[in-house]
Amino acid sequence: QVQLVESGGGLVQAGGSLRLSCAASGRAFSNYAMGWFRQAPGKEREFVAAISWGGSITSYTDSVKGRFTISRDNAKNTVYLQMNNLKAEDTAVYYCAAPRAPWGRGTPRDDFGSWGQGTQVTVSS
């Protein structure tokens, strides 16, 4: 069972930046793709970004392409989400997620079965 702990959320003005971190423990981090999701008030949780187990493949939802970057440091068992040029519509609780099976390519279709507790990101306009 993998444990995921997010950090780095907060309040930022529109146009600002934040970097989210997710520390993983409990299994071989480097063998698994990782992802970020978010859930805004009154909306369903949505995919934001994912990265393959090796880090060479990334995918993003259209609304964050060119503004967000997902990366990973396998030596630190940590995945990051760098968020630039934040907009009010990025306000949400952001969740780190890990798939059930190893060797994933890091796509929205990966079977994400483990979740962190979430970190709040609020963008003021």
N, C-alpha and C. Protein backbone atom coordinates (compact mmCIF):
# COMPACT_ATOMS: atom_id res chain seq x y z
N GLN A 1 0.84 -1.19 0.00
CA GLN A 1 0.00 0.00 0.00
C GLN A 1 0.88 1.24 0.00
N VAL A 2 0.63 2.13 -0.93
CA VAL A 2 1.43 3.35 -1.04
C VAL A 2 0.76 4.44 -0.23
N GLN A 3 1.57 5.27 0.42
CA GLN A 3 1.09 6.46 1.12
C GLN A 3 1.57 7.69 0.36
N LEU A 4 0.66 8.65 0.21
CA LEU A 4 0.95 9.86 -0.55
C LEU A 4 0.64 11.08 0.31
N VAL A 5 1.57 12.00 0.40
CA VAL A 5 1.38 13.21 1.19
C VAL A 5 1.72 14.43 0.34
N GLU A 6 0.71 15.25 0.08
CA GLU A 6 0.90 16.46 -0.71
C GLU A 6 1.27 17.65 0.17
N SER A 7 1.94 18.61 -0.43
CA SER A 7 2.25 19.87 0.24
C SER A 7 2.44 20.94 -0.83
N GLY A 8 2.44 22.19 -0.39
CA GLY A 8 2.75 23.29 -1.30
C GLY A 8 1.57 24.13 -1.74
N GLY A 9 0.37 23.75 -1.34
CA GLY A 9 -0.79 24.57 -1.71
C GLY A 9 -0.80 25.89 -0.96
N GLY A 10 -1.74 26.75 -1.36
CA GLY A 10 -1.85 28.03 -0.68
C GLY A 10 -2.68 29.01 -1.48
N LEU A 11 -2.59 30.27 -1.06
CA LEU A 11 -3.32 31.35 -1.71
C LEU A 11 -2.34 32.16 -2.55
N VAL A 12 -2.71 32.40 -3.79
CA VAL A 12 -1.83 33.14 -4.69
C VAL A 12 -2.70 34.03 -5.59
N GLN A 13 -2.14 35.13 -6.03
CA GLN A 13 -2.86 36.00 -6.95
C GLN A 13 -2.81 35.44 -8.37
N ALA A 14 -3.80 35.80 -9.16
CA ALA A 14 -3.80 35.39 -10.56
C ALA A 14 -2.50 35.84 -11.23
N GLY A 15 -1.95 34.94 -12.03
CA GLY A 15 -0.67 35.20 -12.67
C GLY A 15 0.52 34.70 -11.88
N GLY A 16 0.30 34.31 -10.65
CA GLY A 16 1.37 33.82 -9.80
C GLY A 16 1.67 32.34 -10.02
N SER A 17 2.57 31.84 -9.18
CA SER A 17 3.04 30.45 -9.32
C SER A 17 3.02 29.73 -7.97
N LEU A 18 2.86 28.44 -8.04
CA LEU A 18 2.99 27.55 -6.89
C LEU A 18 3.62 26.26 -7.37
N ARG A 19 4.32 25.58 -6.45
CA ARG A 19 4.82 24.25 -6.76
C ARG A 19 4.27 23.28 -5.71
N LEU A 20 3.55 22.30 -6.18
CA LEU A 20 3.05 21.24 -5.31
C LEU A 20 4.04 20.08 -5.28
N SER A 21 4.13 19.45 -4.13
CA SER A 21 4.97 18.27 -3.97
C SER A 21 4.13 17.13 -3.43
N CYS A 22 4.52 15.92 -3.78
CA CYS A 22 3.85 14.73 -3.27
C CYS A 22 4.92 13.70 -2.93
N ALA A 23 5.04 13.42 -1.65
CA ALA A 23 6.00 12.43 -1.18
C ALA A 23 5.32 11.07 -1.06
N ALA A 24 5.94 10.06 -1.65
CA ALA A 24 5.36 8.72 -1.66
C ALA A 24 6.20 7.77 -0.81
N SER A 25 5.54 6.83 -0.19
CA SER A 25 6.23 5.80 0.59
C SER A 25 5.41 4.52 0.53
N GLY A 26 6.08 3.41 0.84
CA GLY A 26 5.35 2.16 0.95
C GLY A 26 5.54 1.18 -0.19
N ARG A 27 6.13 1.65 -1.31
CA ARG A 27 6.43 0.73 -2.39
C ARG A 27 7.48 1.37 -3.29
N ALA A 28 7.91 0.65 -4.31
CA ALA A 28 8.98 1.12 -5.18
C ALA A 28 8.48 2.26 -6.07
N PHE A 29 8.71 3.48 -5.62
CA PHE A 29 8.18 4.67 -6.30
C PHE A 29 8.59 4.71 -7.77
N SER A 30 9.83 4.39 -8.05
CA SER A 30 10.35 4.56 -9.41
C SER A 30 9.71 3.61 -10.42
N ASN A 31 8.96 2.62 -9.97
CA ASN A 31 8.33 1.66 -10.89
C ASN A 31 6.93 2.08 -11.34
N TYR A 32 6.44 3.19 -10.80
CA TYR A 32 5.05 3.57 -11.01
C TYR A 32 4.92 4.95 -11.63
N ALA A 33 3.99 5.07 -12.57
CA ALA A 33 3.58 6.38 -13.02
C ALA A 33 2.93 7.13 -11.85
N MET A 34 2.82 8.44 -11.99
CA MET A 34 2.18 9.25 -10.97
C MET A 34 1.29 10.29 -11.64
N GLY A 35 0.30 10.77 -10.90
CA GLY A 35 -0.61 11.76 -11.48
C GLY A 35 -1.06 12.80 -10.48
N TRP A 36 -1.59 13.87 -11.03
CA TRP A 36 -2.23 14.93 -10.24
C TRP A 36 -3.66 15.11 -10.75
N PHE A 37 -4.59 15.24 -9.82
CA PHE A 37 -5.98 15.52 -10.11
C PHE A 37 -6.40 16.73 -9.29
N ARG A 38 -7.55 17.29 -9.62
CA ARG A 38 -8.08 18.39 -8.81
C ARG A 38 -9.59 18.33 -8.77
N GLN A 39 -10.13 18.93 -7.72
CA GLN A 39 -11.58 18.99 -7.57
C GLN A 39 -11.96 20.37 -7.06
N ALA A 40 -12.72 21.08 -7.88
CA ALA A 40 -13.22 22.39 -7.50
C ALA A 40 -14.58 22.24 -6.81
N PRO A 41 -14.97 23.22 -6.02
CA PRO A 41 -16.27 23.14 -5.32
C PRO A 41 -17.42 22.91 -6.29
N GLY A 42 -18.23 21.91 -5.99
CA GLY A 42 -19.39 21.63 -6.82
C GLY A 42 -19.11 20.91 -8.11
N LYS A 43 -17.86 20.51 -8.33
CA LYS A 43 -17.48 19.84 -9.57
C LYS A 43 -16.88 18.47 -9.28
N GLU A 44 -16.85 17.63 -10.31
CA GLU A 44 -16.22 16.33 -10.16
C GLU A 44 -14.69 16.46 -10.21
N ARG A 45 -14.02 15.49 -9.63
CA ARG A 45 -12.56 15.46 -9.69
C ARG A 45 -12.13 15.26 -11.14
N GLU A 46 -11.12 16.00 -11.55
CA GLU A 46 -10.67 15.92 -12.93
C GLU A 46 -9.17 15.68 -13.00
N PHE A 47 -8.76 15.04 -14.07
CA PHE A 47 -7.35 14.80 -14.34
C PHE A 47 -6.64 16.11 -14.65
N VAL A 48 -5.43 16.27 -14.13
CA VAL A 48 -4.63 17.46 -14.42
C VAL A 48 -3.37 17.08 -15.21
N ALA A 49 -2.59 16.14 -14.68
CA ALA A 49 -1.33 15.78 -15.32
C ALA A 49 -0.87 14.42 -14.83
N ALA A 50 -0.03 13.77 -15.63
CA ALA A 50 0.55 12.50 -15.22
C ALA A 50 1.93 12.36 -15.84
N ILE A 51 2.73 11.49 -15.23
CA ILE A 51 4.09 11.27 -15.70
C ILE A 51 4.38 9.78 -15.64
N SER A 52 5.08 9.28 -16.63
CA SER A 52 5.40 7.86 -16.69
C SER A 52 6.37 7.46 -15.59
N TRP A 53 6.52 6.16 -15.41
CA TRP A 53 7.37 5.66 -14.34
C TRP A 53 8.81 6.13 -14.51
N GLY A 54 9.28 6.26 -15.74
CA GLY A 54 10.64 6.70 -15.99
C GLY A 54 10.79 8.20 -16.10
N GLY A 55 9.68 8.89 -16.21
CA GLY A 55 9.71 10.35 -16.28
C GLY A 55 9.81 10.93 -17.66
N SER A 56 9.89 10.09 -18.68
CA SER A 56 10.09 10.62 -20.04
C SER A 56 8.79 10.96 -20.75
N ILE A 57 7.67 10.51 -20.25
CA ILE A 57 6.37 10.76 -20.89
C ILE A 57 5.48 11.51 -19.91
N THR A 58 4.90 12.60 -20.39
CA THR A 58 3.98 13.37 -19.57
C THR A 58 2.70 13.63 -20.35
N SER A 59 1.63 13.86 -19.65
CA SER A 59 0.37 14.22 -20.28
C SER A 59 -0.34 15.25 -19.41
N TYR A 60 -1.12 16.11 -20.08
CA TYR A 60 -1.79 17.20 -19.38
C TYR A 60 -3.20 17.38 -19.93
N THR A 61 -4.09 17.86 -19.08
CA THR A 61 -5.37 18.29 -19.57
C THR A 61 -5.17 19.59 -20.35
N ASP A 62 -6.01 19.84 -21.32
CA ASP A 62 -5.80 20.96 -22.23
C ASP A 62 -5.72 22.31 -21.51
N SER A 63 -6.50 22.47 -20.45
CA SER A 63 -6.59 23.78 -19.81
C SER A 63 -5.31 24.19 -19.08
N VAL A 64 -4.40 23.26 -18.84
CA VAL A 64 -3.16 23.61 -18.12
C VAL A 64 -1.92 23.48 -18.99
N LYS A 65 -2.07 23.03 -20.22
CA LYS A 65 -0.91 22.87 -21.10
C LYS A 65 -0.21 24.21 -21.30
N GLY A 66 1.10 24.20 -21.18
CA GLY A 66 1.89 25.42 -21.32
C GLY A 66 2.01 26.22 -20.04
N ARG A 67 1.25 25.87 -19.02
CA ARG A 67 1.31 26.58 -17.73
C ARG A 67 1.79 25.67 -16.60
N PHE A 68 1.42 24.41 -16.62
CA PHE A 68 1.79 23.46 -15.56
C PHE A 68 2.83 22.48 -16.09
N THR A 69 3.72 22.05 -15.18
CA THR A 69 4.72 21.05 -15.53
C THR A 69 4.80 20.01 -14.43
N ILE A 70 4.64 18.75 -14.80
CA ILE A 70 4.80 17.66 -13.85
C ILE A 70 6.20 17.09 -13.99
N SER A 71 6.80 16.75 -12.86
CA SER A 71 8.14 16.16 -12.87
C SER A 71 8.26 15.23 -11.68
N ARG A 72 9.33 14.46 -11.66
CA ARG A 72 9.53 13.53 -10.55
C ARG A 72 11.01 13.41 -10.23
N ASP A 73 11.28 13.12 -8.97
CA ASP A 73 12.63 12.84 -8.50
C ASP A 73 12.58 11.48 -7.84
N ASN A 74 13.00 10.46 -8.56
CA ASN A 74 12.88 9.11 -8.04
C ASN A 74 13.82 8.87 -6.84
N ALA A 75 14.88 9.62 -6.75
CA ALA A 75 15.78 9.49 -5.60
C ALA A 75 15.12 9.99 -4.32
N LYS A 76 14.16 10.92 -4.48
CA LYS A 76 13.47 11.48 -3.31
C LYS A 76 12.05 10.94 -3.17
N ASN A 77 11.65 10.01 -4.05
CA ASN A 77 10.29 9.45 -4.01
C ASN A 77 9.23 10.56 -4.04
N THR A 78 9.45 11.54 -4.88
CA THR A 78 8.59 12.72 -4.89
C THR A 78 8.21 13.09 -6.31
N VAL A 79 6.96 13.49 -6.47
CA VAL A 79 6.47 14.03 -7.73
C VAL A 79 6.04 15.47 -7.49
N TYR A 80 6.27 16.31 -8.50
CA TYR A 80 6.00 17.74 -8.37
C TYR A 80 5.01 18.20 -9.43
N LEU A 81 4.33 19.29 -9.12
CA LEU A 81 3.50 19.98 -10.11
C LEU A 81 3.83 21.46 -10.01
N GLN A 82 4.57 21.95 -10.98
CA GLN A 82 4.87 23.37 -11.05
C GLN A 82 3.74 24.06 -11.80
N MET A 83 3.13 25.04 -11.15
CA MET A 83 1.98 25.72 -11.72
C MET A 83 2.31 27.20 -11.90
N ASN A 84 2.35 27.64 -13.14
CA ASN A 84 2.66 29.04 -13.47
C ASN A 84 1.44 29.71 -14.10
N ASN A 85 1.46 31.03 -14.08
CA ASN A 85 0.37 31.82 -14.67
C ASN A 85 -0.99 31.29 -14.21
N LEU A 86 -1.12 31.17 -12.90
CA LEU A 86 -2.35 30.61 -12.34
C LEU A 86 -3.54 31.52 -12.60
N LYS A 87 -4.69 30.87 -12.78
CA LYS A 87 -5.93 31.56 -13.05
C LYS A 87 -6.94 31.22 -11.95
N ALA A 88 -7.96 32.05 -11.84
CA ALA A 88 -8.98 31.80 -10.81
C ALA A 88 -9.61 30.42 -10.99
N GLU A 89 -9.74 29.99 -12.23
CA GLU A 89 -10.38 28.69 -12.48
C GLU A 89 -9.49 27.50 -12.11
N ASP A 90 -8.26 27.76 -11.70
CA ASP A 90 -7.39 26.70 -11.19
C ASP A 90 -7.65 26.43 -9.71
N THR A 91 -8.48 27.24 -9.07
CA THR A 91 -8.79 27.05 -7.66
C THR A 91 -9.46 25.69 -7.45
N ALA A 92 -8.87 24.88 -6.57
CA ALA A 92 -9.37 23.53 -6.33
C ALA A 92 -8.54 22.88 -5.24
N VAL A 93 -8.99 21.73 -4.79
CA VAL A 93 -8.16 20.85 -3.99
C VAL A 93 -7.41 19.94 -4.96
N TYR A 94 -6.10 19.90 -4.83
CA TYR A 94 -5.26 19.12 -5.72
C TYR A 94 -4.83 17.83 -5.02
N TYR A 95 -4.98 16.72 -5.73
CA TYR A 95 -4.68 15.40 -5.19
C TYR A 95 -3.58 14.73 -5.99
N CYS A 96 -2.66 14.15 -5.30
CA CYS A 96 -1.66 13.28 -5.89
C CYS A 96 -2.26 11.88 -6.00
N ALA A 97 -1.91 11.16 -7.05
CA ALA A 97 -2.48 9.83 -7.24
C ALA A 97 -1.44 8.87 -7.80
N ALA A 98 -1.58 7.61 -7.42
CA ALA A 98 -0.69 6.57 -7.91
C ALA A 98 -1.52 5.42 -8.47
N PRO A 99 -1.09 4.83 -9.56
CA PRO A 99 -1.84 3.72 -10.15
C PRO A 99 -1.61 2.42 -9.41
N ARG A 100 -2.51 1.47 -9.64
CA ARG A 100 -2.41 0.18 -8.98
C ARG A 100 -1.27 -0.66 -9.57
N ALA A 101 -1.03 -0.54 -10.86
CA ALA A 101 -0.04 -1.39 -11.53
C ALA A 101 1.22 -0.58 -11.88
N PRO A 102 2.37 -1.21 -11.90
CA PRO A 102 3.61 -0.54 -12.27
C PRO A 102 3.76 -0.35 -13.78
N TRP A 103 4.80 0.37 -14.14
CA TRP A 103 5.23 0.53 -15.53
C TRP A 103 4.23 1.28 -16.40
N GLY A 104 3.44 2.15 -15.79
CA GLY A 104 2.46 2.91 -16.54
C GLY A 104 3.10 4.03 -17.34
N ARG A 105 2.39 4.42 -18.41
CA ARG A 105 2.89 5.47 -19.29
C ARG A 105 2.53 6.87 -18.77
N GLY A 106 1.70 6.93 -17.74
CA GLY A 106 1.35 8.25 -17.21
C GLY A 106 0.31 8.94 -18.07
N THR A 107 -0.90 8.40 -18.11
CA THR A 107 -1.99 8.97 -18.89
C THR A 107 -3.25 8.99 -18.03
N PRO A 108 -4.27 9.73 -18.46
CA PRO A 108 -5.53 9.71 -17.69
C PRO A 108 -6.15 8.32 -17.61
N ARG A 109 -5.76 7.42 -18.50
CA ARG A 109 -6.34 6.08 -18.52
C ARG A 109 -5.66 5.12 -17.56
N ASP A 110 -4.58 5.54 -16.93
CA ASP A 110 -3.96 4.68 -15.90
C ASP A 110 -4.96 4.45 -14.77
N ASP A 111 -4.90 3.29 -14.18
CA ASP A 111 -5.84 2.92 -13.12
C ASP A 111 -5.34 3.45 -11.78
N PHE A 112 -5.65 4.72 -11.51
CA PHE A 112 -5.19 5.35 -10.28
C PHE A 112 -6.03 4.86 -9.11
N GLY A 113 -5.37 4.21 -8.15
CA GLY A 113 -6.10 3.61 -7.05
C GLY A 113 -5.71 4.11 -5.67
N SER A 114 -4.65 4.92 -5.60
CA SER A 114 -4.21 5.45 -4.31
C SER A 114 -4.17 6.97 -4.41
N TRP A 115 -4.62 7.63 -3.33
CA TRP A 115 -4.78 9.07 -3.34
C TRP A 115 -4.21 9.69 -2.08
N GLY A 116 -3.69 10.89 -2.22
CA GLY A 116 -3.30 11.66 -1.06
C GLY A 116 -4.49 12.35 -0.44
N GLN A 117 -4.22 13.13 0.62
CA GLN A 117 -5.31 13.79 1.34
C GLN A 117 -5.74 15.08 0.66
N GLY A 118 -4.93 15.58 -0.26
CA GLY A 118 -5.27 16.80 -0.99
C GLY A 118 -4.64 18.04 -0.37
N THR A 119 -4.39 19.02 -1.22
CA THR A 119 -3.89 20.31 -0.77
C THR A 119 -4.66 21.41 -1.51
N GLN A 120 -5.07 22.43 -0.77
CA GLN A 120 -5.92 23.48 -1.33
C GLN A 120 -5.07 24.50 -2.09
N VAL A 121 -5.51 24.81 -3.30
CA VAL A 121 -4.92 25.89 -4.08
C VAL A 121 -6.03 26.90 -4.36
N THR A 122 -5.81 28.14 -3.93
CA THR A 122 -6.77 29.20 -4.14
C THR A 122 -6.11 30.34 -4.90
N VAL A 123 -6.71 30.69 -6.03
CA VAL A 123 -6.16 31.75 -6.87
C VAL A 123 -7.14 32.92 -6.84
N SER A 124 -6.67 34.05 -6.36
CA SER A 124 -7.52 35.23 -6.29
C SER A 124 -7.38 36.06 -7.55
N SER A 125 -8.49 36.56 -8.03
CA SER A 125 -8.47 37.34 -9.29
C SER A 125 -8.44 38.83 -9.01
